[in-house]
Amino acid sequence: MVRLVNQSLIATHAELSAQDAERARRRIARRAARNPLRRVHLTCEPGAVRDPLARVGDRVWCENHADWATVVDVVE
């Protein structure tokens, strides 16, 4: 499993309200439900791993290798 890391995690943004956080959770859940088998290819993995959000070029954390990797391809 990989986790998306993008500019939204930079500290320049204000704290999310409870309502904004819930709205974000619902939006991510809807996007993940559209294609539950969506896979991405990472620079460190020979095969694909499931991820509902990552895009090509995103830096993500690879739990298999405990290191950062770049998404090089997306398989819808």
PDB file of N, CA and C in Angstrom:
ATOM      1  N   MET A   1       0.845  -1.185   0.000  1.00  0.00           N
ATOM      2  CA  MET A   1       0.000   0.000   0.000  1.00  0.00           C
ATOM      3  C   MET A   1       0.882   1.237   0.000  1.00  0.00           C
ATOM      4  N   VAL A   2       0.471   2.240  -0.711  1.00  0.00           N
ATOM      5  CA  VAL A   2       1.223   3.495  -0.744  1.00  0.00           C
ATOM      6  C   VAL A   2       0.327   4.629  -0.273  1.00  0.00           C
ATOM      7  N   ARG A   3       0.935   5.669   0.191  1.00  0.00           N
ATOM      8  CA  ARG A   3       0.199   6.840   0.645  1.00  0.00           C
ATOM      9  C   ARG A   3       0.630   8.034  -0.189  1.00  0.00           C
ATOM     10  N   LEU A   4      -0.317   8.816  -0.639  1.00  0.00           N
ATOM     11  CA  LEU A   4      -0.038   9.981  -1.450  1.00  0.00           C
ATOM     12  C   LEU A   4       0.513  11.103  -0.593  1.00  0.00           C
ATOM     13  N   VAL A   5       1.579  11.692  -1.045  1.00  0.00           N
ATOM     14  CA  VAL A   5       2.146  12.848  -0.370  1.00  0.00           C
ATOM     15  C   VAL A   5       2.212  13.966  -1.401  1.00  0.00           C
ATOM     16  N   ASN A   6       1.564  15.068  -1.119  1.00  0.00           N
ATOM     17  CA  ASN A   6       1.579  16.179  -2.066  1.00  0.00           C
ATOM     18  C   ASN A   6       1.674  17.494  -1.311  1.00  0.00           C
ATOM     19  N   GLN A   7       1.493  18.573  -2.018  1.00  0.00           N
ATOM     20  CA  GLN A   7       1.660  19.900  -1.430  1.00  0.00           C
ATOM     21  C   GLN A   7       0.646  20.210  -0.333  1.00  0.00           C
ATOM     22  N   SER A   8      -0.432  19.445  -0.226  1.00  0.00           N
ATOM     23  CA  SER A   8      -1.429  19.720   0.804  1.00  0.00           C
ATOM     24  C   SER A   8      -0.897  19.453   2.212  1.00  0.00           C
ATOM     25  N   LEU A   9       0.237  18.789   2.327  1.00  0.00           N
ATOM     26  CA  LEU A   9       0.791  18.490   3.644  1.00  0.00           C
ATOM     27  C   LEU A   9       1.782  19.547   4.126  1.00  0.00           C
ATOM     28  N   ILE A  10       2.031  20.554   3.326  1.00  0.00           N
ATOM     29  CA  ILE A  10       2.953  21.615   3.723  1.00  0.00           C
ATOM     30  C   ILE A  10       2.274  22.489   4.777  1.00  0.00           C
ATOM     31  N   ALA A  11       3.026  22.945   5.742  1.00  0.00           N
ATOM     32  CA  ALA A  11       2.476  23.662   6.895  1.00  0.00           C
ATOM     33  C   ALA A  11       1.939  25.050   6.569  1.00  0.00           C
ATOM     34  N   THR A  12       2.032  25.504   5.340  1.00  0.00           N
ATOM     35  CA  THR A  12       1.532  26.843   5.012  1.00  0.00           C
ATOM     36  C   THR A  12       0.014  26.894   4.990  1.00  0.00           C
ATOM     37  N   HIS A  13      -0.642  25.755   4.931  1.00  0.00           N
ATOM     38  CA  HIS A  13      -2.099  25.718   4.939  1.00  0.00           C
ATOM     39  C   HIS A  13      -2.616  25.812   6.368  1.00  0.00           C
ATOM     40  N   ALA A  14      -3.772  26.414   6.511  1.00  0.00           N
ATOM     41  CA  ALA A  14      -4.398  26.499   7.830  1.00  0.00           C
ATOM     42  C   ALA A  14      -4.939  25.122   8.220  1.00  0.00           C
ATOM     43  N   GLU A  15      -5.198  24.967   9.501  1.00  0.00           N
ATOM     44  CA  GLU A  15      -5.787  23.712   9.989  1.00  0.00           C
ATOM     45  C   GLU A  15      -7.143  23.490   9.330  1.00  0.00           C
ATOM     46  N   LEU A  16      -7.440  22.238   9.005  1.00  0.00           N
ATOM     47  CA  LEU A  16      -8.745  21.912   8.444  1.00  0.00           C
ATOM     48  C   LEU A  16      -9.781  21.865   9.557  1.00  0.00           C
ATOM     49  N   SER A  17     -10.940  22.395   9.269  1.00  0.00           N
ATOM     50  CA  SER A  17     -12.028  22.285  10.231  1.00  0.00           C
ATOM     51  C   SER A  17     -12.546  20.850  10.176  1.00  0.00           C
ATOM     52  N   ALA A  18     -13.323  20.468  11.157  1.00  0.00           N
ATOM     53  CA  ALA A  18     -13.894  19.119  11.179  1.00  0.00           C
ATOM     54  C   ALA A  18     -14.774  18.899   9.953  1.00  0.00           C
ATOM     55  N   GLN A  19     -15.487  19.924   9.542  1.00  0.00           N
ATOM     56  CA  GLN A  19     -16.358  19.825   8.365  1.00  0.00           C
ATOM     57  C   GLN A  19     -15.531  19.639   7.092  1.00  0.00           C
ATOM     58  N   ASP A  20     -14.435  20.398   6.954  1.00  0.00           N
ATOM     59  CA  ASP A  20     -13.573  20.255   5.784  1.00  0.00           C
ATOM     60  C   ASP A  20     -12.904  18.885   5.744  1.00  0.00           C
ATOM     61  N   ALA A  21     -12.481  18.388   6.901  1.00  0.00           N
ATOM     62  CA  ALA A  21     -11.848  17.067   6.957  1.00  0.00           C
ATOM     63  C   ALA A  21     -12.841  15.979   6.566  1.00  0.00           C
ATOM     64  N   GLU A  22     -14.076  16.069   7.033  1.00  0.00           N
ATOM     65  CA  GLU A  22     -15.098  15.083   6.668  1.00  0.00           C
ATOM     66  C   GLU A  22     -15.420  15.155   5.182  1.00  0.00           C
ATOM     67  N   ARG A  23     -15.491  16.351   4.634  1.00  0.00           N
ATOM     68  CA  ARG A  23     -15.743  16.525   3.209  1.00  0.00           C
ATOM     69  C   ARG A  23     -14.604  15.886   2.387  1.00  0.00           C
ATOM     70  N   ALA A  24     -13.372  16.067   2.832  1.00  0.00           N
ATOM     71  CA  ALA A  24     -12.229  15.474   2.140  1.00  0.00           C
ATOM     72  C   ALA A  24     -12.267  13.947   2.212  1.00  0.00           C
ATOM     73  N   ARG A  25     -12.623  13.394   3.374  1.00  0.00           N
ATOM     74  CA  ARG A  25     -12.731  11.937   3.502  1.00  0.00           C
ATOM     75  C   ARG A  25     -13.792  11.370   2.562  1.00  0.00           C
ATOM     76  N   ARG A  26     -14.932  12.049   2.465  1.00  0.00           N
ATOM     77  CA  ARG A  26     -15.993  11.585   1.563  1.00  0.00           C
ATOM     78  C   ARG A  26     -15.558  11.669   0.106  1.00  0.00           C
ATOM     79  N   ARG A  27     -14.852  12.727  -0.242  1.00  0.00           N
ATOM     80  CA  ARG A  27     -14.393  12.883  -1.621  1.00  0.00           C
ATOM     81  C   ARG A  27     -13.382  11.797  -2.000  1.00  0.00           C
ATOM     82  N   ILE A  28     -12.464  11.493  -1.096  1.00  0.00           N
ATOM     83  CA  ILE A  28     -11.483  10.433  -1.350  1.00  0.00           C
ATOM     84  C   ILE A  28     -12.180   9.081  -1.457  1.00  0.00           C
ATOM     85  N   ALA A  29     -13.153   8.821  -0.590  1.00  0.00           N
ATOM     86  CA  ALA A  29     -13.889   7.553  -0.634  1.00  0.00           C
ATOM     87  C   ALA A  29     -14.650   7.395  -1.952  1.00  0.00           C
ATOM     88  N   ARG A  30     -15.268   8.483  -2.428  1.00  0.00           N
ATOM     89  CA  ARG A  30     -15.984   8.413  -3.719  1.00  0.00           C
ATOM     90  C   ARG A  30     -15.021   8.122  -4.859  1.00  0.00           C
ATOM     91  N   ARG A  31     -13.883   8.777  -4.843  1.00  0.00           N
ATOM     92  CA  ARG A  31     -12.897   8.569  -5.909  1.00  0.00           C
ATOM     93  C   ARG A  31     -12.344   7.144  -5.885  1.00  0.00           C
ATOM     94  N   ALA A  32     -12.097   6.617  -4.702  1.00  0.00           N
ATOM     95  CA  ALA A  32     -11.583   5.249  -4.568  1.00  0.00           C
ATOM     96  C   ALA A  32     -12.630   4.227  -4.987  1.00  0.00           C
ATOM     97  N   ALA A  33     -13.914   4.513  -4.720  1.00  0.00           N
ATOM     98  CA  ALA A  33     -14.985   3.574  -5.057  1.00  0.00           C
ATOM     99  C   ALA A  33     -15.213   3.474  -6.566  1.00  0.00           C
ATOM    100  N   ARG A  34     -14.880   4.531  -7.306  1.00  0.00           N
ATOM    101  CA  ARG A  34     -15.069   4.512  -8.758  1.00  0.00           C
ATOM    102  C   ARG A  34     -14.250   3.417  -9.432  1.00  0.00           C
ATOM    103  N   ASN A  35     -13.050   3.176  -8.940  1.00  0.00           N
ATOM    104  CA  ASN A  35     -12.183   2.177  -9.541  1.00  0.00           C
ATOM    105  C   ASN A  35     -11.359   1.498  -8.445  1.00  0.00           C
ATOM    106  N   PRO A  36     -11.937   0.507  -7.754  1.00  0.00           N
ATOM    107  CA  PRO A  36     -11.227  -0.118  -6.629  1.00  0.00           C
ATOM    108  C   PRO A  36      -9.997  -0.925  -7.054  1.00  0.00           C
ATOM    109  N   LEU A  37      -9.867  -1.239  -8.326  1.00  0.00           N
ATOM    110  CA  LEU A  37      -8.718  -2.020  -8.791  1.00  0.00           C
ATOM    111  C   LEU A  37      -7.637  -1.155  -9.420  1.00  0.00           C
ATOM    112  N   ARG A  38      -7.720   0.150  -9.267  1.00  0.00           N
ATOM    113  CA  ARG A  38      -6.734   1.064  -9.854  1.00  0.00           C
ATOM    114  C   ARG A  38      -5.358   0.767  -9.260  1.00  0.00           C
ATOM    115  N   ARG A  39      -4.374   0.699 -10.135  1.00  0.00           N
ATOM    116  CA  ARG A  39      -3.013   0.373  -9.705  1.00  0.00           C
ATOM    117  C   ARG A  39      -2.027   1.394 -10.232  1.00  0.00           C
ATOM    118  N   VAL A  40      -0.918   1.523  -9.534  1.00  0.00           N
ATOM    119  CA  VAL A  40       0.159   2.398  -9.970  1.00  0.00           C
ATOM    120  C   VAL A  40       1.468   1.609  -9.984  1.00  0.00           C
ATOM    121  N   HIS A  41       2.345   1.987 -10.893  1.00  0.00           N
ATOM    122  CA  HIS A  41       3.690   1.403 -10.944  1.00  0.00           C
ATOM    123  C   HIS A  41       4.647   2.392 -10.305  1.00  0.00           C
ATOM    124  N   LEU A  42       5.465   1.896  -9.399  1.00  0.00           N
ATOM    125  CA  LEU A  42       6.437   2.725  -8.688  1.00  0.00           C
ATOM    126  C   LEU A  42       7.839   2.423  -9.180  1.00  0.00           C
ATOM    127  N   THR A  43       8.755   3.359  -8.970  1.00  0.00           N
ATOM    128  CA  THR A  43      10.131   3.159  -9.395  1.00  0.00           C
ATOM    129  C   THR A  43      10.807   2.015  -8.642  1.00  0.00           C
ATOM    130  N   CYS A  44      10.355   1.718  -7.431  1.00  0.00           N
ATOM    131  CA  CYS A  44      11.014   0.697  -6.620  1.00  0.00           C
ATOM    132  C   CYS A  44      10.365  -0.685  -6.721  1.00  0.00           C
ATOM    133  N   GLU A  45       9.192  -0.777  -7.345  1.00  0.00           N
ATOM    134  CA  GLU A  45       8.445  -2.037  -7.406  1.00  0.00           C
ATOM    135  C   GLU A  45       8.433  -2.595  -8.827  1.00  0.00           C
ATOM    136  N   PRO A  46       8.696  -3.892  -8.990  1.00  0.00           N
ATOM    137  CA  PRO A  46       8.600  -4.482 -10.334  1.00  0.00           C
ATOM    138  C   PRO A  46       7.147  -4.638 -10.795  1.00  0.00           C
ATOM    139  N   GLY A  47       6.227  -4.774  -9.855  1.00  0.00           N
ATOM    140  CA  GLY A  47       4.815  -4.924 -10.189  1.00  0.00           C
ATOM    141  C   GLY A  47       4.039  -3.687  -9.804  1.00  0.00           C
ATOM    142  N   ALA A  48       2.736  -3.780  -9.937  1.00  0.00           N
ATOM    143  CA  ALA A  48       1.871  -2.649  -9.603  1.00  0.00           C
ATOM    144  C   ALA A  48       1.294  -2.826  -8.204  1.00  0.00           C
ATOM    145  N   VAL A  49       0.962  -1.706  -7.575  1.00  0.00           N
ATOM    146  CA  VAL A  49       0.322  -1.712  -6.265  1.00  0.00           C
ATOM    147  C   VAL A  49      -0.953  -0.877  -6.344  1.00  0.00           C
ATOM    148  N   ARG A  50      -1.938  -1.206  -5.527  1.00  0.00           N
ATOM    149  CA  ARG A  50      -3.207  -0.474  -5.541  1.00  0.00           C
ATOM    150  C   ARG A  50      -3.065   0.883  -4.861  1.00  0.00           C
ATOM    151  N   ASP A  51      -3.630   1.874  -5.529  1.00  0.00           N
ATOM    152  CA  ASP A  51      -3.692   3.212  -4.948  1.00  0.00           C
ATOM    153  C   ASP A  51      -4.790   3.979  -5.665  1.00  0.00           C
ATOM    154  N   PRO A  52      -5.787   4.479  -4.927  1.00  0.00           N
ATOM    155  CA  PRO A  52      -6.916   5.140  -5.576  1.00  0.00           C
ATOM    156  C   PRO A  52      -6.669   6.585  -5.986  1.00  0.00           C
ATOM    157  N   LEU A  53      -5.558   7.196  -5.557  1.00  0.00           N
ATOM    158  CA  LEU A  53      -5.389   8.627  -5.754  1.00  0.00           C
ATOM    159  C   LEU A  53      -4.147   9.076  -6.508  1.00  0.00           C
ATOM    160  N   ALA A  54      -3.060   8.344  -6.405  1.00  0.00           N
ATOM    161  CA  ALA A  54      -1.780   8.822  -6.928  1.00  0.00           C
ATOM    162  C   ALA A  54      -1.815   9.044  -8.432  1.00  0.00           C
ATOM    163  N   ARG A  55      -1.062  10.055  -8.869  1.00  0.00           N
ATOM    164  CA  ARG A  55      -0.912  10.368 -10.290  1.00  0.00           C
ATOM    165  C   ARG A  55       0.548  10.230 -10.693  1.00  0.00           C
ATOM    166  N   VAL A  56       0.799  10.139 -11.981  1.00  0.00           N
ATOM    167  CA  VAL A  56       2.166  10.032 -12.491  1.00  0.00           C
ATOM    168  C   VAL A  56       2.963  11.239 -12.007  1.00  0.00           C
ATOM    169  N   GLY A  57       4.141  10.963 -11.473  1.00  0.00           N
ATOM    170  CA  GLY A  57       5.013  12.010 -10.961  1.00  0.00           C
ATOM    171  C   GLY A  57       4.897  12.250  -9.476  1.00  0.00           C
ATOM    172  N   ASP A  58       3.852  11.764  -8.831  1.00  0.00           N
ATOM    173  CA  ASP A  58       3.699  11.932  -7.385  1.00  0.00           C
ATOM    174  C   ASP A  58       4.765  11.142  -6.644  1.00  0.00           C
ATOM    175  N   ARG A  59       5.225  11.687  -5.538  1.00  0.00           N
ATOM    176  CA  ARG A  59       6.135  10.972  -4.646  1.00  0.00           C
ATOM    177  C   ARG A  59       5.278  10.336  -3.567  1.00  0.00           C
ATOM    178  N   VAL A  60       5.432   9.050  -3.377  1.00  0.00           N
ATOM    179  CA  VAL A  60       4.628   8.322  -2.400  1.00  0.00           C
ATOM    180  C   VAL A  60       5.539   7.461  -1.532  1.00  0.00           C
ATOM    181  N   TRP A  61       5.027   7.083  -0.389  1.00  0.00           N
ATOM    182  CA  TRP A  61       5.763   6.221   0.527  1.00  0.00           C
ATOM    183  C   TRP A  61       5.457   4.775   0.195  1.00  0.00           C
ATOM    184  N   CYS A  62       6.471   3.983  -0.069  1.00  0.00           N
ATOM    185  CA  CYS A  62       6.305   2.561  -0.354  1.00  0.00           C
ATOM    186  C   CYS A  62       6.530   1.797   0.947  1.00  0.00           C
ATOM    187  N   GLU A  63       5.488   1.159   1.432  1.00  0.00           N
ATOM    188  CA  GLU A  63       5.593   0.431   2.696  1.00  0.00           C
ATOM    189  C   GLU A  63       6.411  -0.851   2.548  1.00  0.00           C
ATOM    190  N   ASN A  64       6.466  -1.418   1.343  1.00  0.00           N
ATOM    191  CA  ASN A  64       7.260  -2.633   1.129  1.00  0.00           C
ATOM    192  C   ASN A  64       8.753  -2.368   1.280  1.00  0.00           C
ATOM    193  N   HIS A  65       9.212  -1.207   0.834  1.00  0.00           N
ATOM    194  CA  HIS A  65      10.634  -0.883   0.880  1.00  0.00           C
ATOM    195  C   HIS A  65      10.969   0.162   1.938  1.00  0.00           C
ATOM    196  N   ALA A  66       9.954   0.690   2.612  1.00  0.00           N
ATOM    197  CA  ALA A  66      10.149   1.725   3.634  1.00  0.00           C
ATOM    198  C   ALA A  66      10.993   2.870   3.082  1.00  0.00           C
ATOM    199  N   ASP A  67      10.580   3.362   1.903  1.00  0.00           N
ATOM    200  CA  ASP A  67      11.309   4.437   1.258  1.00  0.00           C
ATOM    201  C   ASP A  67      10.373   5.174   0.305  1.00  0.00           C
ATOM    202  N   TRP A  68      10.787   6.351  -0.126  1.00  0.00           N
ATOM    203  CA  TRP A  68      10.006   7.129  -1.080  1.00  0.00           C
ATOM    204  C   TRP A  68      10.181   6.580  -2.480  1.00  0.00           C
ATOM    205  N   ALA A  69       9.132   6.656  -3.271  1.00  0.00           N
ATOM    206  CA  ALA A  69       9.169   6.214  -4.656  1.00  0.00           C
ATOM    207  C   ALA A  69       8.341   7.178  -5.500  1.00  0.00           C
ATOM    208  N   THR A  70       8.589   7.165  -6.791  1.00  0.00           N
ATOM    209  CA  THR A  70       7.846   8.011  -7.719  1.00  0.00           C
ATOM    210  C   THR A  70       6.904   7.153  -8.540  1.00  0.00           C
ATOM    211  N   VAL A  71       5.691   7.657  -8.750  1.00  0.00           N
ATOM    212  CA  VAL A  71       4.715   6.947  -9.580  1.00  0.00           C
ATOM    213  C   VAL A  71       5.120   7.172 -11.041  1.00  0.00           C
ATOM    214  N   VAL A  72       5.337   6.079 -11.776  1.00  0.00           N
ATOM    215  CA  VAL A  72       5.762   6.195 -13.172  1.00  0.00           C
ATOM    216  C   VAL A  72       4.660   5.818 -14.154  1.00  0.00           C
ATOM    217  N   ASP A  73       3.626   5.127 -13.686  1.00  0.00           N
ATOM    218  CA  ASP A  73       2.535   4.727 -14.580  1.00  0.00           C
ATOM    219  C   ASP A  73       1.295   4.449 -13.743  1.00  0.00           C
ATOM    220  N   VAL A  74       0.127   4.692 -14.344  1.00  0.00           N
ATOM    221  CA  VAL A  74      -1.144   4.432 -13.686  1.00  0.00           C
ATOM    222  C   VAL A  74      -1.943   3.494 -14.569  1.00  0.00           C
ATOM    223  N   VAL A  75      -2.465   2.415 -13.979  1.00  0.00           N
ATOM    224  CA  VAL A  75      -3.301   1.462 -14.692  1.00  0.00           C
ATOM    225  C   VAL A  75      -4.709   1.585 -14.136  1.00  0.00           C
ATOM    226  N   GLU A  76      -5.616   2.107 -14.968  1.00  0.00           N
ATOM    227  CA  GLU A  76      -7.008   2.287 -14.531  1.00  0.00           C
ATOM    228  C   GLU A  76      -7.673   0.979 -14.635  1.00  0.00           C
TER     229      GLU A  76
END
